[in-house]
C-alpha atoms as a PDB file:
ATOM      1  CA  UNK A   1     102.691 113.409  96.169  1.00  0.00           C
ATOM      2  CA  UNK A   2     104.346 112.901  99.601  1.00  0.00           C
ATOM      3  CA  UNK A   3     107.294 110.784 100.843  1.00  0.00           C
ATOM      4  CA  UNK A   4     110.638 110.109  99.512  1.00  0.00           C
ATOM      5  CA  UNK A   5     111.662 106.544  99.256  1.00  0.00           C
ATOM      6  CA  UNK A   6     113.466 106.703 102.630  1.00  0.00           C
ATOM      7  CA  UNK A   7     110.587 108.634 104.237  1.00  0.00           C
ATOM      8  CA  UNK A   8     108.149 105.955 102.872  1.00  0.00           C
ATOM      9  CA  UNK A   9     110.266 103.061 104.236  1.00  0.00           C
ATOM     10  CA  UNK A  10     110.522 104.833 107.587  1.00  0.00           C
ATOM     11  CA  UNK A  11     106.543 105.066 107.678  1.00  0.00           C
ATOM     12  CA  UNK A  12     105.984 101.448 106.602  1.00  0.00           C
ATOM     13  CA  UNK A  13     108.580  99.970 109.034  1.00  0.00           C
ATOM     14  CA  UNK A  14     106.452 101.855 111.884  1.00  0.00           C
ATOM     15  CA  UNK A  15     103.298 100.518 110.617  1.00  0.00           C
ATOM     16  CA  UNK A  16     104.569  97.007 110.314  1.00  0.00           C
ATOM     17  CA  UNK A  17     105.172  97.277 114.278  1.00  0.00           C
ATOM     18  CA  UNK A  18     102.121  99.214 115.240  1.00  0.00           C
ATOM     19  CA  UNK A  19      99.727  97.052 113.156  1.00  0.00           C
ATOM     20  CA  UNK A  20     101.068  93.570 113.786  1.00  0.00           C
ATOM     21  CA  UNK A  21      98.656  91.082 115.052  1.00  0.00           C
ATOM     22  CA  UNK A  22      95.746  92.972 113.487  1.00  0.00           C
ATOM     23  CA  UNK A  23      92.657  90.957 112.556  1.00  0.00           C
ATOM     24  CA  UNK A  24      89.608  91.452 110.661  1.00  0.00           C
ATOM     25  CA  UNK A  25      90.897  94.663 109.035  1.00  0.00           C
ATOM     26  CA  UNK A  26      92.496  94.883 105.582  1.00  0.00           C
ATOM     27  CA  UNK A  27      95.111  97.586 105.251  1.00  0.00           C
ATOM     28  CA  UNK A  28      97.044  98.836 102.154  1.00  0.00           C
ATOM     29  CA  UNK A  29      99.384 101.664 101.750  1.00  0.00           C
ATOM     30  CA  UNK A  30      99.674 103.754  98.568  1.00  0.00           C
ATOM     31  CA  UNK A  31     103.079 105.392  98.232  1.00  0.00           C
ATOM     32  CA  UNK A  32     104.089 107.138  95.104  1.00  0.00           C
ATOM     33  CA  UNK A  33     105.425 105.192  92.188  1.00  0.00           C
ATOM     34  CA  UNK A  34     109.086 105.931  92.889  1.00  0.00           C
ATOM     35  CA  UNK A  35     108.659 104.141  96.351  1.00  0.00           C
ATOM     36  CA  UNK A  36     106.608 101.066  95.253  1.00  0.00           C
ATOM     37  CA  UNK A  37     109.393  98.628  94.846  1.00  0.00           C
ATOM     38  CA  UNK A  38     111.303  99.352  97.934  1.00  0.00           C
ATOM     39  CA  UNK A  39     108.193  99.533 100.086  1.00  0.00           C
ATOM     40  CA  UNK A  40     107.058  96.217  98.769  1.00  0.00           C
ATOM     41  CA  UNK A  41     110.230  94.657  99.737  1.00  0.00           C
ATOM     42  CA  UNK A  42     109.787  96.214 103.329  1.00  0.00           C
ATOM     43  CA  UNK A  43     106.305  94.792 103.609  1.00  0.00           C
ATOM     44  CA  UNK A  44     107.256  91.216 102.741  1.00  0.00           C
ATOM     45  CA  UNK A  45     105.888  88.980 105.664  1.00  0.00           C
ATOM     46  CA  UNK A  46     103.379  91.504 106.839  1.00  0.00           C
ATOM     47  CA  UNK A  47      99.638  91.657 106.184  1.00  0.00           C
ATOM     48  CA  UNK A  48      99.792  95.218 104.799  1.00  0.00           C
ATOM     49  CA  UNK A  49      99.125  95.287 100.997  1.00  0.00           C
ATOM     50  CA  UNK A  50     100.510  97.649  98.357  1.00  0.00           C
ATOM     51  CA  UNK A  51      98.522  99.928  96.308  1.00  0.00           C
ATOM     52  CA  UNK A  52      99.514 102.324  93.328  1.00  0.00           C
ATOM     53  CA  UNK A  53      97.910 105.859  93.226  1.00  0.00           C
ATOM     54  CA  UNK A  54      97.106 105.625  89.490  1.00  0.00           C
ATOM     55  CA  UNK A  55      97.887 103.855  86.382  1.00  0.00           C
ATOM     56  CA  UNK A  56      97.472 104.157  82.407  1.00  0.00           C
ATOM     57  CA  UNK A  57      95.020 102.002  80.416  1.00  0.00           C
ATOM     58  CA  UNK A  58      97.712 100.585  78.074  1.00  0.00           C
ATOM     59  CA  UNK A  59     100.126  97.838  78.847  1.00  0.00           C
ATOM     60  CA  UNK A  60     103.036  99.395  77.051  1.00  0.00           C
ATOM     61  CA  UNK A  61     103.780 101.790  74.256  1.00  0.00           C
ATOM     62  CA  UNK A  62     104.705 105.364  73.177  1.00  0.00           C
ATOM     63  CA  UNK A  63     103.211 106.843  76.419  1.00  0.00           C
ATOM     64  CA  UNK A  64     106.049 108.727  77.904  1.00  0.00           C
ATOM     65  CA  UNK A  65     105.481 109.262  81.834  1.00  0.00           C
ATOM     66  CA  UNK A  66     102.844 106.866  82.147  1.00  0.00           C
ATOM     67  CA  UNK A  67     102.988 103.670  84.340  1.00  0.00           C
ATOM     68  CA  UNK A  68     100.960 100.457  82.922  1.00  0.00           C
ATOM     69  CA  UNK A  69      99.034  97.857  85.014  1.00  0.00           C
ATOM     70  CA  UNK A  70     101.538  95.320  84.140  1.00  0.00           C
ATOM     71  CA  UNK A  71     104.399  97.369  85.536  1.00  0.00           C
ATOM     72  CA  UNK A  72     102.412  97.792  88.779  1.00  0.00           C
ATOM     73  CA  UNK A  73     101.636  93.980  89.056  1.00  0.00           C
ATOM     74  CA  UNK A  74     105.386  93.167  88.433  1.00  0.00           C
ATOM     75  CA  UNK A  75     106.394  95.500  91.278  1.00  0.00           C
ATOM     76  CA  UNK A  76     104.055  93.774  93.738  1.00  0.00           C
ATOM     77  CA  UNK A  77     100.848  95.961  93.882  1.00  0.00           C
ATOM     78  CA  UNK A  78      97.673  94.252  94.750  1.00  0.00           C
ATOM     79  CA  UNK A  79      95.485  97.447  94.541  1.00  0.00           C
ATOM     80  CA  UNK A  80      95.412 100.569  92.413  1.00  0.00           C
ATOM     81  CA  UNK A  81      93.500 103.758  93.156  1.00  0.00           C
ATOM     82  CA  UNK A  82      91.486 105.048  90.112  1.00  0.00           C
ATOM     83  CA  UNK A  83      89.584 108.153  89.362  1.00  0.00           C
ATOM     84  CA  UNK A  84      90.798 110.069  92.771  1.00  0.00           C
ATOM     85  CA  UNK A  85      89.346 113.545  92.663  1.00  0.00           C
ATOM     86  CA  UNK A  86      92.747 115.313  92.396  1.00  0.00           C
ATOM     87  CA  UNK A  87      93.308 113.132  89.168  1.00  0.00           C
ATOM     88  CA  UNK A  88      89.850 114.459  87.929  1.00  0.00           C
ATOM     89  CA  UNK A  89      90.601 118.040  89.032  1.00  0.00           C
ATOM     90  CA  UNK A  90      94.111 118.593  88.171  1.00  0.00           C
ATOM     91  CA  UNK A  91      94.948 116.073  85.414  1.00  0.00           C
ATOM     92  CA  UNK A  92      91.850 116.016  83.413  1.00  0.00           C
ATOM     93  CA  UNK A  93      90.421 112.695  84.195  1.00  0.00           C
ATOM     94  CA  UNK A  94      86.965 111.943  82.899  1.00  0.00           C
ATOM     95  CA  UNK A  95      84.347 109.342  83.319  1.00  0.00           C
ATOM     96  CA  UNK A  96      85.586 107.664  80.131  1.00  0.00           C
ATOM     97  CA  UNK A  97      89.265 107.548  81.024  1.00  0.00           C
ATOM     98  CA  UNK A  98      88.560 106.293  84.419  1.00  0.00           C
ATOM     99  CA  UNK A  99      86.340 103.440  82.830  1.00  0.00           C
ATOM    100  CA  UNK A 100      89.359 102.559  80.542  1.00  0.00           C
ATOM    101  CA  UNK A 101      91.705 102.431  83.498  1.00  0.00           C
ATOM    102  CA  UNK A 102      89.322 100.209  85.524  1.00  0.00           C
ATOM    103  CA  UNK A 103      88.954  97.845  82.668  1.00  0.00           C
ATOM    104  CA  UNK A 104      92.908  97.781  82.189  1.00  0.00           C
ATOM    105  CA  UNK A 105      93.442  97.144  85.806  1.00  0.00           C
ATOM    106  CA  UNK A 106      90.937  94.220  85.883  1.00  0.00           C
ATOM    107  CA  UNK A 107      92.525  92.570  82.871  1.00  0.00           C
ATOM    108  CA  UNK A 108      95.847  92.525  84.771  1.00  0.00           C
ATOM    109  CA  UNK A 109      94.386  91.066  87.887  1.00  0.00           C
ATOM    110  CA  UNK A 110      94.647  94.236  89.968  1.00  0.00           C
ATOM    111  CA  UNK A 111      92.034  95.233  92.437  1.00  0.00           C
ATOM    112  CA  UNK A 112      90.549  98.617  92.111  1.00  0.00           C
ATOM    113  CA  UNK A 113      89.679 101.315  94.577  1.00  0.00           C
ATOM    114  CA  UNK A 114      87.324 103.367  92.413  1.00  0.00           C
ATOM    115  CA  UNK A 115      86.741 106.864  93.561  1.00  0.00           C
ATOM    116  CA  UNK A 116      83.689 108.978  93.016  1.00  0.00           C
ATOM    117  CA  UNK A 117      82.359 112.103  94.569  1.00  0.00           C
ATOM    118  CA  UNK A 118      80.825 115.652  94.096  1.00  0.00           C
ATOM    119  CA  UNK A 119      82.308 119.257  94.505  1.00  0.00           C
ATOM    120  CA  UNK A 120      81.203 121.730  96.996  1.00  0.00           C
ATOM    121  CA  UNK A 121      79.199 123.639  94.061  1.00  0.00           C
ATOM    122  CA  UNK A 122      77.507 120.529  93.174  1.00  0.00           C
ATOM    123  CA  UNK A 123      76.399 119.538  96.745  1.00  0.00           C
ATOM    124  CA  UNK A 124      74.956 123.014  97.264  1.00  0.00           C
ATOM    125  CA  UNK A 125      73.045 122.785  94.044  1.00  0.00           C
ATOM    126  CA  UNK A 126      71.509 119.677  95.437  1.00  0.00           C
ATOM    127  CA  UNK A 127      73.116 117.396  92.900  1.00  0.00           C
ATOM    128  CA  UNK A 128      75.182 114.996  94.931  1.00  0.00           C
ATOM    129  CA  UNK A 129      73.319 111.906  94.222  1.00  0.00           C
ATOM    130  CA  UNK A 130      73.003 112.580  90.551  1.00  0.00           C
ATOM    131  CA  UNK A 131      76.663 113.321  90.113  1.00  0.00           C
ATOM    132  CA  UNK A 132      77.747 110.384  92.070  1.00  0.00           C
ATOM    133  CA  UNK A 133      75.404 108.258  90.090  1.00  0.00           C
ATOM    134  CA  UNK A 134      76.653 109.470  86.734  1.00  0.00           C
ATOM    135  CA  UNK A 135      80.340 108.700  87.992  1.00  0.00           C
ATOM    136  CA  UNK A 136      79.466 105.335  88.993  1.00  0.00           C
ATOM    137  CA  UNK A 137      77.382 104.308  86.015  1.00  0.00           C
ATOM    138  CA  UNK A 138      80.054 105.701  83.580  1.00  0.00           C
ATOM    139  CA  UNK A 139      82.972 104.337  85.562  1.00  0.00           C
ATOM    140  CA  UNK A 140      81.444 100.783  85.534  1.00  0.00           C
ATOM    141  CA  UNK A 141      80.322 100.796  81.901  1.00  0.00           C
ATOM    142  CA  UNK A 142      81.109  97.312  80.323  1.00  0.00           C
ATOM    143  CA  UNK A 143      82.235  95.962  83.667  1.00  0.00           C
ATOM    144  CA  UNK A 144      80.910  92.461  83.979  1.00  0.00           C
ATOM    145  CA  UNK A 145      79.386  91.434  87.403  1.00  0.00           C
ATOM    146  CA  UNK A 146      82.054  88.778  88.096  1.00  0.00           C
ATOM    147  CA  UNK A 147      84.620  91.420  87.798  1.00  0.00           C
ATOM    148  CA  UNK A 148      82.899  93.414  90.707  1.00  0.00           C
ATOM    149  CA  UNK A 149      84.781  91.229  93.125  1.00  0.00           C
ATOM    150  CA  UNK A 150      87.894  93.100  92.340  1.00  0.00           C
ATOM    151  CA  UNK A 151      86.292  96.671  92.843  1.00  0.00           C
ATOM    152  CA  UNK A 152      85.895  98.683  96.008  1.00  0.00           C
ATOM    153  CA  UNK A 153      84.166 101.994  95.842  1.00  0.00           C
ATOM    154  CA  UNK A 154      85.553 105.081  97.758  1.00  0.00           C
ATOM    155  CA  UNK A 155      83.129 107.930  98.227  1.00  0.00           C
ATOM    156  CA  UNK A 156      85.273 111.044  98.411  1.00  0.00           C
ATOM    157  CA  UNK A 157      83.296 114.343  98.537  1.00  0.00           C
ATOM    158  CA  UNK A 158      85.739 116.768  96.806  1.00  0.00           C
ATOM    159  CA  UNK A 159      84.954 119.515  99.164  1.00  0.00           C
ATOM    160  CA  UNK A 160      86.328 117.292 102.064  1.00  0.00           C
ATOM    161  CA  UNK A 161      89.479 116.314 100.629  1.00  0.00           C
ATOM    162  CA  UNK A 162      92.495 118.099 102.644  1.00  0.00           C
ATOM    163  CA  UNK A 163      90.121 120.834 103.642  1.00  0.00           C
ATOM    164  CA  UNK A 164      89.517 119.632 107.260  1.00  0.00           C
ATOM    165  CA  UNK A 165      85.994 119.524 106.374  1.00  0.00           C
ATOM    166  CA  UNK A 166      84.169 116.125 106.577  1.00  0.00           C
ATOM    167  CA  UNK A 167      80.911 114.946 105.559  1.00  0.00           C
ATOM    168  CA  UNK A 168      78.776 114.140 108.688  1.00  0.00           C
ATOM    169  CA  UNK A 169      78.317 110.385 109.171  1.00  0.00           C
ATOM    170  CA  UNK A 170      74.693 110.976 108.152  1.00  0.00           C
ATOM    171  CA  UNK A 171      75.565 112.857 104.961  1.00  0.00           C
ATOM    172  CA  UNK A 172      78.141 109.932 104.130  1.00  0.00           C
ATOM    173  CA  UNK A 173      75.667 107.296 104.925  1.00  0.00           C
ATOM    174  CA  UNK A 174      73.065 108.823 102.493  1.00  0.00           C
ATOM    175  CA  UNK A 175      75.498 108.558  99.759  1.00  0.00           C
ATOM    176  CA  UNK A 176      76.727 105.153 100.471  1.00  0.00           C
ATOM    177  CA  UNK A 177      73.014 103.833 100.640  1.00  0.00           C
ATOM    178  CA  UNK A 178      72.487 105.424  97.264  1.00  0.00           C
ATOM    179  CA  UNK A 179      75.625 103.853  95.719  1.00  0.00           C
ATOM    180  CA  UNK A 180      74.503 100.530  97.194  1.00  0.00           C
ATOM    181  CA  UNK A 181      71.152 100.903  95.725  1.00  0.00           C
ATOM    182  CA  UNK A 182      72.519 101.740  92.293  1.00  0.00           C
ATOM    183  CA  UNK A 183      74.811  98.740  92.334  1.00  0.00           C
ATOM    184  CA  UNK A 184      71.971  96.469  93.144  1.00  0.00           C
ATOM    185  CA  UNK A 185      70.069  97.946  90.075  1.00  0.00           C
ATOM    186  CA  UNK A 186      73.075  97.719  87.808  1.00  0.00           C
ATOM    187  CA  UNK A 187      73.954  94.141  88.939  1.00  0.00           C
ATOM    188  CA  UNK A 188      72.291  92.299  91.861  1.00  0.00           C
ATOM    189  CA  UNK A 189      71.443  92.702  95.564  1.00  0.00           C
ATOM    190  CA  UNK A 190      73.980  90.154  96.228  1.00  0.00           C
ATOM    191  CA  UNK A 191      76.747  92.293  94.564  1.00  0.00           C
ATOM    192  CA  UNK A 192      75.524  95.474  96.381  1.00  0.00           C
ATOM    193  CA  UNK A 193      75.615  93.879  99.685  1.00  0.00           C
ATOM    194  CA  UNK A 194      79.194  92.290  99.087  1.00  0.00           C
ATOM    195  CA  UNK A 195      80.845  95.273  97.599  1.00  0.00           C
ATOM    196  CA  UNK A 196      83.190  97.388  99.834  1.00  0.00           C
ATOM    197  CA  UNK A 197      82.275 101.085 100.002  1.00  0.00           C
ATOM    198  CA  UNK A 198      84.684 103.201 101.767  1.00  0.00           C
ATOM    199  CA  UNK A 199      84.586 106.975 102.822  1.00  0.00           C
ATOM    200  CA  UNK A 200      87.421 109.311 102.087  1.00  0.00           C
ATOM    201  CA  UNK A 201      87.602 113.039 103.003  1.00  0.00           C
ATOM    202  CA  UNK A 202      89.549 114.346 105.889  1.00  0.00           C
ATOM    203  CA  UNK A 203      89.298 111.133 107.860  1.00  0.00           C
ATOM    204  CA  UNK A 204      91.026 111.450 111.176  1.00  0.00           C
ATOM    205  CA  UNK A 205      91.300 109.655 114.500  1.00  0.00           C
ATOM    206  CA  UNK A 206      88.850 111.847 115.882  1.00  0.00           C
ATOM    207  CA  UNK A 207      86.040 111.272 113.432  1.00  0.00           C
ATOM    208  CA  UNK A 208      86.670 107.532 112.417  1.00  0.00           C
ATOM    209  CA  UNK A 209      84.467 106.001 115.052  1.00  0.00           C
ATOM    210  CA  UNK A 210      81.412 107.918 114.151  1.00  0.00           C
ATOM    211  CA  UNK A 211      81.933 107.426 110.377  1.00  0.00           C
ATOM    212  CA  UNK A 212      82.252 103.658 110.792  1.00  0.00           C
ATOM    213  CA  UNK A 213      79.290 103.533 113.080  1.00  0.00           C
ATOM    214  CA  UNK A 214      77.048 104.405 110.026  1.00  0.00           C
ATOM    215  CA  UNK A 215      75.638 101.433 108.422  1.00  0.00           C
ATOM    216  CA  UNK A 216      77.012 101.019 104.882  1.00  0.00           C
ATOM    217  CA  UNK A 217      80.389 102.504 105.536  1.00  0.00           C
ATOM    218  CA  UNK A 218      82.842  99.566 105.105  1.00  0.00           C
ATOM    219  CA  UNK A 219      86.197 101.412 105.392  1.00  0.00           C
ATOM    220  CA  UNK A 220      88.208 104.408 104.857  1.00  0.00           C
ATOM    221  CA  UNK A 221      90.454 105.973 102.123  1.00  0.00           C
ATOM    222  CA  UNK A 222      92.759 107.983 104.307  1.00  0.00           C
ATOM    223  CA  UNK A 223      94.700 111.055 103.104  1.00  0.00           C
ATOM    224  CA  UNK A 224      96.703 113.285 105.257  1.00  0.00           C
ATOM    225  CA  UNK A 225      96.197 111.462 108.568  1.00  0.00           C
ATOM    226  CA  UNK A 226      97.988 108.328 106.860  1.00  0.00           C
ATOM    227  CA  UNK A 227     101.245 110.241 106.550  1.00  0.00           C
ATOM    228  CA  UNK A 228     102.029 109.714 110.239  1.00  0.00           C
ATOM    229  CA  UNK A 229     102.347 106.111 111.756  1.00  0.00           C
ATOM    230  CA  UNK A 230     100.648 107.394 114.952  1.00  0.00           C
ATOM    231  CA  UNK A 231      97.490 108.785 113.588  1.00  0.00           C
ATOM    232  CA  UNK A 232      96.939 106.120 110.794  1.00  0.00           C
ATOM    233  CA  UNK A 233      97.414 103.477 113.487  1.00  0.00           C
ATOM    234  CA  UNK A 234      94.763 105.055 115.658  1.00  0.00           C
ATOM    235  CA  UNK A 235      92.502 105.056 112.616  1.00  0.00           C
ATOM    236  CA  UNK A 236      93.073 101.597 111.787  1.00  0.00           C
ATOM    237  CA  UNK A 237      92.811 100.293 115.294  1.00  0.00           C
ATOM    238  CA  UNK A 238      89.710 102.600 116.192  1.00  0.00           C
ATOM    239  CA  UNK A 239      87.832  99.884 117.864  1.00  0.00           C
ATOM    240  CA  UNK A 240      90.430  99.418 120.345  1.00  0.00           C
ATOM    241  CA  UNK A 241      90.779 103.073 121.417  1.00  0.00           C
END
């Protein structure tokens, strides 16, 4: 919940300049609902894509305050983030509601960034892999293999979100390998190799190289560091720095 419309436009104008000519890396920004339309207009002609932070699982109806996948599609979104830990923590999202939202997004031809991750208590109890596996299995329940082309997974340990604490590359790599193995079991080896698995949790310009050097980490879901064009650009262009 950051950036007014004016502030969001200022940020993406700077990103259009700093990320121009970028090759081999896909970039999307996810402003608040109020800024989506204006940001989409500003991004026309650039390679930066547009994502929403959430959606509701129905296309229309008596659901005051919610935003449907059709509305996101019309405003120009290509991606939507579903199951973010803050949605689970503060707004009562469950594996079931996450599953319903993923299905709704796919029906409306939106690509999904599907978030999963454990709390600090769950990690200290040694339950990281079982928690992540449960969220993965329940979130993908009823999703056919051909639809997996529209899904990226973001592993975001809850204890690392906005805390300045980051999973070590080794810790993140272990979970990413586990996710990939589970995808292979649920679907196929081909799908597990093809799916994009991102890391999210206090990603910074200082730690991005070490994270991305870990086999199986395919990208980053960037939080606080994305709010400034300079720091986000350094993350995106980490190979050049």
